[in-house]
Amino acid sequence: MSVTEIREFNRFYTNLIGALDYSKHLYTPYTLTEARILYELAHAPALDAADLRASLSLDAGHLSRLLLKFERDGLIVREQSAADARRQRVTLTAAGREAAALLEERSLESVRNLLGRVPQDERPRLAGAMDTIRALLGDAGRNARGARSPARNRARTPDIRLRAPEPGDLGWVVQRHGALYAREYGWDARFEALVARIVADFGEEHDPALERLWIAELDGAPAGCVMCVRDSAPRTARLRLLLVEPSARGHGLGERLVSKCTGFARGAGYREMVLWTNANLDAARRIYQRAGFTLTAETPHRSYGADLVGQDWHLIL
């Protein structure tokens, strides 16, 4: 392979993903460099400016100007590091987390559209080629630059916690279901209304010994949820409202939430667990299958402005 071939590939790929005009590509006001900074900050509880500079190989002056811009826009706060007064700690504000989440969602959508152009049977070959490039050039990069930066290490080992809901979390569950299902599947407000009724019933009256709601946190921010409630059948629990934020996918949160739910049901004395979902929710169905659920029935229906196939799943506890 020659230098010319690598440069040709680089030109092809940067044009393919719109890297030269990233803001228009994702319909956001941020350049590729700005988006990368927001990504790094969103995937770590807090970073020093020096960590960001090393992680992204940025000039110190350039990074300082970008951080000043983010600070003026209310996206970050900067403060002196408690561990080292010479270092500056950078954290996202609520507005910054929203901006980072929007970028993540649009990036995922862009990649899904790109992947949609690749036939299903060709995708393993594409994944293998990407793994090969990453392995070969990643090793070369580490040899040239040394070990990975603290920022990258933290991004690969996020802080994950499952907890009980706190004030404001019930509203978050409703809002995120409504927003995500509208964007990813085109479902209308009737789905959000259904979730609101489920959450309201739980919030107004539930037996903590038999019914629970868990919020998954990723690096201190809500990133998913699941609910266990009593079903009408005797000694049967129902799993409801499994959700994982797009920006948190790939960390096993869905599996952890379902495992938490089924484990609680067993401990509470339930003998069976059931759930209802739709056939087009592929990622959720795979999680249920890995947890041991079996499909027992399918029924076509039209709900939330879409033609769907409802599915009943069952697990012996």
Protein backbone atom coordinates (compact mmCIF):
# COMPACT_ATOMS: atom_id res chain seq x y z
CA MET A 1 0.00 0.00 0.00
CA SER A 2 1.26 3.47 -0.86
CA VAL A 3 0.83 6.90 0.71
CA THR A 4 -1.23 7.91 -2.32
CA GLU A 5 -3.70 5.07 -1.74
CA ILE A 6 -4.18 6.05 1.90
CA ARG A 7 -4.75 9.70 0.93
CA GLU A 8 -7.30 8.62 -1.70
CA PHE A 9 -9.14 6.57 0.92
CA ASN A 10 -9.07 9.51 3.36
CA ARG A 11 -10.60 11.83 0.74
CA PHE A 12 -13.27 9.24 -0.05
CA TYR A 13 -14.19 8.68 3.60
CA THR A 14 -14.22 12.33 4.68
CA ASN A 15 -16.54 13.11 1.76
CA LEU A 16 -18.70 10.08 2.59
CA ILE A 17 -19.34 11.13 6.20
CA GLY A 18 -19.45 14.88 5.50
CA ALA A 19 -16.48 15.63 7.72
CA LEU A 20 -15.54 18.73 5.71
CA ASP A 21 -18.92 20.34 6.45
CA TYR A 22 -19.94 18.57 9.66
CA SER A 23 -22.29 21.29 10.90
CA LYS A 24 -24.46 21.16 7.77
CA HIS A 25 -24.14 17.37 7.62
CA LEU A 26 -25.75 17.00 11.08
CA TYR A 27 -27.77 20.24 10.96
CA THR A 28 -26.09 21.63 14.05
CA PRO A 29 -24.02 24.79 14.65
CA TYR A 30 -20.95 22.76 15.67
CA THR A 31 -17.85 21.86 13.68
CA LEU A 32 -16.38 18.38 13.81
CA THR A 33 -13.77 19.48 16.37
CA GLU A 34 -16.39 21.13 18.57
CA ALA A 35 -18.60 18.04 18.35
CA ARG A 36 -15.69 15.81 19.40
CA ILE A 37 -15.02 17.98 22.45
CA LEU A 38 -18.68 17.77 23.48
CA TYR A 39 -18.59 14.00 22.95
CA GLU A 40 -15.54 13.55 25.18
CA LEU A 41 -17.09 15.72 27.91
CA ALA A 42 -20.41 13.85 27.69
CA HIS A 43 -18.72 10.47 28.16
CA ALA A 44 -16.75 11.32 31.29
CA PRO A 45 -17.94 12.85 34.59
CA ALA A 46 -15.39 15.66 34.31
CA LEU A 47 -12.17 16.22 32.39
CA ASP A 48 -9.17 18.47 32.70
CA ALA A 49 -8.44 20.73 29.76
CA ALA A 50 -5.08 18.99 29.49
CA ASP A 51 -6.82 15.62 29.10
CA LEU A 52 -8.93 17.00 26.26
CA ARG A 53 -5.91 18.48 24.55
CA ALA A 54 -4.02 15.17 24.72
CA SER A 55 -7.02 13.05 23.79
CA LEU A 56 -7.85 15.06 20.67
CA SER A 57 -4.29 16.17 19.79
CA LEU A 58 -5.38 19.81 19.78
CA ASP A 59 -3.26 22.92 19.93
CA ALA A 60 -3.57 24.49 23.41
CA GLY A 61 -4.53 27.88 22.04
CA HIS A 62 -7.16 26.42 19.70
CA LEU A 63 -8.71 24.38 22.52
CA SER A 64 -8.74 27.41 24.82
CA ARG A 65 -10.65 29.45 22.23
CA LEU A 66 -13.20 26.67 21.73
CA LEU A 67 -13.74 26.24 25.47
CA LEU A 68 -14.21 29.99 25.83
CA LYS A 69 -16.87 29.87 23.12
CA PHE A 70 -18.64 26.98 24.89
CA GLU A 71 -18.46 28.85 28.19
CA ARG A 72 -20.03 31.97 26.66
CA ASP A 73 -22.79 29.81 25.16
CA GLY A 74 -23.50 28.27 28.58
CA LEU A 75 -22.47 24.75 27.54
CA ILE A 76 -19.61 24.24 30.01
CA VAL A 77 -18.24 25.45 33.30
CA ARG A 78 -14.52 25.63 34.08
CA GLU A 79 -13.00 25.55 37.53
CA GLN A 80 -9.68 24.88 39.18
CA SER A 81 -8.94 21.20 39.74
CA ALA A 82 -9.07 20.18 43.39
CA ALA A 83 -6.26 17.70 42.81
CA ASP A 84 -3.90 20.09 40.98
CA ALA A 85 -4.30 23.87 41.02
CA ARG A 86 -2.39 24.09 37.75
CA ARG A 87 -5.10 22.13 35.93
CA GLN A 88 -8.55 23.31 34.83
CA ARG A 89 -11.55 21.03 35.27
CA VAL A 90 -14.21 21.20 32.51
CA THR A 91 -17.79 19.92 32.92
CA LEU A 92 -20.93 20.17 30.81
CA THR A 93 -23.91 22.19 31.98
CA ALA A 94 -27.47 20.95 31.44
CA ALA A 95 -27.51 22.87 28.15
CA GLY A 96 -24.21 21.27 27.22
CA ARG A 97 -25.56 17.79 27.90
CA GLU A 98 -28.58 18.55 25.72
CA ALA A 99 -26.33 19.73 22.89
CA ALA A 100 -24.13 16.64 23.20
CA ALA A 101 -27.20 14.36 23.24
CA LEU A 102 -28.56 16.04 20.10
CA LEU A 103 -25.23 15.56 18.34
CA GLU A 104 -25.13 11.92 19.42
CA GLU A 105 -28.65 11.25 18.22
CA ARG A 106 -28.03 12.85 14.82
CA SER A 107 -24.68 11.07 14.45
CA LEU A 108 -26.37 7.73 15.15
CA GLU A 109 -29.10 8.53 12.64
CA SER A 110 -26.48 9.48 10.03
CA VAL A 111 -24.58 6.23 10.55
CA ARG A 112 -27.80 4.20 10.41
CA ASN A 113 -28.61 5.84 7.06
CA LEU A 114 -25.11 5.06 5.83
CA LEU A 115 -25.30 1.46 7.01
CA GLY A 116 -28.68 1.12 5.32
CA ARG A 117 -26.90 1.33 1.98
CA VAL A 118 -24.93 -1.84 2.77
CA PRO A 119 -26.71 -5.18 2.14
CA GLN A 120 -27.23 -7.23 5.28
CA ASP A 121 -25.01 -10.09 4.08
CA GLU A 122 -22.16 -7.67 3.34
CA ARG A 123 -22.10 -6.04 6.77
CA PRO A 124 -19.86 -8.66 8.43
CA ARG A 125 -17.27 -7.98 5.72
CA LEU A 126 -17.52 -4.24 6.39
CA ALA A 127 -17.15 -4.80 10.16
CA GLY A 128 -14.13 -7.01 9.57
CA ALA A 129 -12.46 -4.39 7.38
CA MET A 130 -13.07 -1.71 10.02
CA ASP A 131 -11.63 -3.95 12.74
CA THR A 132 -8.54 -4.55 10.63
CA ILE A 133 -7.96 -0.82 10.05
CA ARG A 134 -8.51 -0.05 13.71
CA ALA A 135 -6.14 -2.79 14.85
CA LEU A 136 -3.34 -1.92 12.46
CA LEU A 137 -3.46 1.86 12.59
CA GLY A 138 -4.47 1.91 16.26
CA ASP A 139 -1.32 0.01 17.16
CA ALA A 140 0.71 2.37 15.00
CA GLY A 141 -0.89 5.36 16.70
CA ARG A 142 -0.19 4.01 20.18
CA ASN A 143 3.42 3.32 19.25
CA ALA A 144 3.79 6.89 18.01
CA ARG A 145 1.91 8.66 20.77
CA GLY A 146 2.16 6.31 23.75
CA ALA A 147 -0.67 5.02 25.92
CA ARG A 148 -4.24 6.18 25.57
CA SER A 149 -5.13 9.38 27.33
CA PRO A 150 -7.15 9.38 30.57
CA ALA A 151 -10.10 10.80 28.63
CA ARG A 152 -10.18 7.80 26.30
CA ASN A 153 -9.79 5.35 29.16
CA ARG A 154 -12.73 6.87 31.00
CA ALA A 155 -14.84 6.88 27.84
CA ARG A 156 -14.27 3.12 27.51
CA THR A 157 -15.11 2.39 31.16
CA PRO A 158 -18.15 4.53 31.94
CA ASP A 159 -19.71 4.74 35.40
CA ILE A 160 -22.99 2.78 35.25
CA ARG A 161 -25.51 2.72 38.12
CA LEU A 162 -29.07 1.44 38.50
CA ARG A 163 -31.08 3.32 41.11
CA ALA A 164 -34.59 4.07 42.34
CA PRO A 165 -36.38 7.05 40.76
CA GLU A 166 -35.79 10.49 42.23
CA PRO A 167 -37.97 13.63 41.92
CA GLY A 168 -38.31 14.50 38.25
CA ASP A 169 -37.47 11.00 36.98
CA LEU A 170 -41.07 10.00 36.28
CA GLY A 171 -41.45 12.98 33.96
CA TRP A 172 -38.15 12.09 32.32
CA VAL A 173 -39.38 8.55 31.60
CA VAL A 174 -42.48 9.89 29.85
CA GLN A 175 -40.63 12.60 27.91
CA ARG A 176 -37.84 10.34 26.67
CA HIS A 177 -40.24 7.61 25.54
CA GLY A 178 -42.31 10.16 23.64
CA ALA A 179 -39.32 11.84 22.00
CA LEU A 180 -37.30 8.75 21.12
CA TYR A 181 -40.15 6.66 19.73
CA ALA A 182 -41.39 9.58 17.66
CA ARG A 183 -37.96 10.12 16.15
CA GLU A 184 -36.90 6.50 15.70
CA TYR A 185 -40.23 4.92 14.71
CA GLY A 186 -42.54 7.81 13.83
CA TRP A 187 -45.04 7.05 16.61
CA ASP A 188 -47.44 9.84 17.47
CA ALA A 189 -48.45 11.44 20.78
CA ARG A 190 -50.81 8.59 21.66
CA PHE A 191 -47.80 6.47 22.61
CA GLU A 192 -46.49 9.16 24.94
CA ALA A 193 -49.98 9.39 26.45
CA LEU A 194 -49.95 5.63 27.09
CA VAL A 195 -46.57 5.88 28.83
CA ALA A 196 -47.85 8.81 30.88
CA ARG A 197 -50.78 6.72 32.13
CA ILE A 198 -48.52 3.80 33.05
CA VAL A 199 -46.13 6.07 34.91
CA ALA A 200 -48.94 7.99 36.62
CA ASP A 201 -50.51 4.76 37.88
CA PHE A 202 -47.16 3.64 39.24
CA GLY A 203 -46.44 7.00 40.86
CA GLU A 204 -49.85 7.29 42.52
CA GLU A 205 -50.05 3.79 43.93
CA HIS A 206 -47.64 0.86 43.89
CA ASP A 207 -46.42 -1.73 46.38
CA PRO A 208 -42.60 -1.36 46.67
CA ALA A 209 -42.35 -4.98 47.77
CA LEU A 210 -43.85 -6.14 44.47
CA GLU A 211 -43.36 -3.29 41.99
CA ARG A 212 -40.30 -1.23 41.13
CA LEU A 213 -38.95 1.28 38.64
CA TRP A 214 -35.22 1.57 37.97
CA ILE A 215 -33.33 4.44 36.37
CA ALA A 216 -30.01 3.62 34.71
CA GLU A 217 -27.34 6.30 34.99
CA LEU A 218 -24.34 6.58 32.71
CA ASP A 219 -21.64 8.85 34.12
CA GLY A 220 -24.17 10.51 36.41
CA ALA A 221 -26.87 11.23 33.80
CA PRO A 222 -30.17 9.33 33.27
CA ALA A 223 -29.67 6.93 30.38
CA GLY A 224 -32.38 4.28 30.63
CA CYS A 225 -35.22 2.76 32.62
CA VAL A 226 -37.36 -0.32 33.17
CA MET A 227 -40.39 -1.15 35.32
CA CYS A 228 -41.67 -4.29 37.07
CA VAL A 229 -45.38 -4.32 37.98
CA ARG A 230 -48.00 -6.89 38.96
CA ASP A 231 -49.88 -8.53 36.12
CA SER A 232 -53.54 -9.56 36.31
CA ALA A 233 -52.57 -13.26 36.29
CA PRO A 234 -51.69 -14.75 39.70
CA ARG A 235 -48.01 -14.66 40.76
CA THR A 236 -47.09 -13.04 37.43
CA ALA A 237 -44.99 -9.91 36.97
CA ARG A 238 -44.99 -7.67 33.90
CA LEU A 239 -41.91 -5.94 32.52
CA ARG A 240 -42.67 -2.49 31.11
CA LEU A 241 -41.06 0.62 29.69
CA LEU A 242 -37.57 -0.65 28.85
CA LEU A 243 -35.63 2.23 27.31
CA VAL A 244 -31.96 3.02 26.67
CA GLU A 245 -30.83 6.42 25.41
CA PRO A 246 -29.17 6.32 21.95
CA SER A 247 -26.02 7.91 23.37
CA ALA A 248 -25.78 5.13 26.00
CA ARG A 249 -26.27 2.14 23.73
CA GLY A 250 -23.45 -0.35 23.42
CA HIS A 251 -22.67 -0.45 27.15
CA GLY A 252 -25.04 -3.30 28.06
CA LEU A 253 -27.54 -1.08 29.91
CA GLY A 254 -30.53 -2.88 28.40
CA GLU A 255 -29.28 -6.26 29.58
CA ARG A 256 -28.54 -4.88 33.06
CA LEU A 257 -31.99 -3.35 33.37
CA VAL A 258 -33.77 -6.52 32.28
CA SER A 259 -31.60 -8.63 34.59
CA LYS A 260 -32.39 -6.29 37.48
CA CYS A 261 -36.10 -6.56 36.71
CA THR A 262 -36.18 -10.36 36.46
CA GLY A 263 -33.99 -10.75 39.55
CA PHE A 264 -36.31 -8.54 41.59
CA ALA A 265 -39.35 -10.50 40.35
CA ARG A 266 -37.82 -13.78 41.48
CA GLY A 267 -36.97 -12.34 44.88
CA ALA A 268 -40.48 -10.93 45.26
CA GLY A 269 -42.01 -14.37 44.84
CA TYR A 270 -43.33 -14.13 41.28
CA ARG A 271 -43.28 -17.36 39.30
CA GLU A 272 -43.61 -15.91 35.81
CA MET A 273 -42.84 -12.68 33.99
CA VAL A 274 -44.55 -11.44 30.84
CA LEU A 275 -44.10 -8.46 28.54
CA TRP A 276 -45.66 -6.97 25.44
CA THR A 277 -43.63 -5.35 22.69
CA ASN A 278 -43.71 -4.81 18.94
CA ALA A 279 -41.90 -6.81 16.29
CA ASN A 280 -40.04 -3.80 14.89
CA LEU A 281 -38.22 -3.13 18.18
CA ASP A 282 -35.33 -5.39 17.18
CA ALA A 283 -32.78 -4.40 19.83
CA ALA A 284 -35.26 -4.88 22.68
CA ARG A 285 -36.39 -8.26 21.34
CA ARG A 286 -32.80 -9.50 21.23
CA ILE A 287 -32.33 -8.47 24.86
CA TYR A 288 -35.48 -10.34 25.87
CA GLN A 289 -34.36 -13.46 24.01
CA ARG A 290 -30.94 -13.41 25.69
CA ALA A 291 -32.67 -13.09 29.06
CA GLY A 292 -34.61 -16.29 28.39
CA PHE A 293 -38.00 -14.91 27.29
CA THR A 294 -39.91 -16.86 24.64
CA LEU A 295 -42.36 -15.47 22.10
CA THR A 296 -45.88 -16.81 22.75
CA ALA A 297 -48.17 -14.80 20.47
CA GLU A 298 -48.23 -12.18 17.70
CA THR A 299 -51.12 -9.90 16.73
CA PRO A 300 -51.17 -7.25 13.96
CA HIS A 301 -52.59 -3.91 15.07
CA ARG A 302 -52.57 -0.24 14.18
CA SER A 303 -51.48 2.00 17.01
CA TYR A 304 -49.70 5.35 17.47
CA GLY A 305 -50.19 6.12 13.77
CA ALA A 306 -48.34 3.01 12.54
CA ASP A 307 -49.11 -0.54 11.36
CA LEU A 308 -47.46 -2.82 13.91
CA VAL A 309 -47.25 -6.44 15.03
CA GLY A 310 -47.67 -6.81 18.77
CA GLN A 311 -45.81 -9.61 20.53
CA ASP A 312 -46.34 -11.35 23.86
CA TRP A 313 -43.23 -12.75 25.56
CA HIS A 314 -43.05 -15.07 28.58
CA LEU A 315 -40.40 -16.14 31.08
CA ILE A 316 -40.61 -18.83 33.77
CA LEU A 317 -38.85 -17.47 36.85
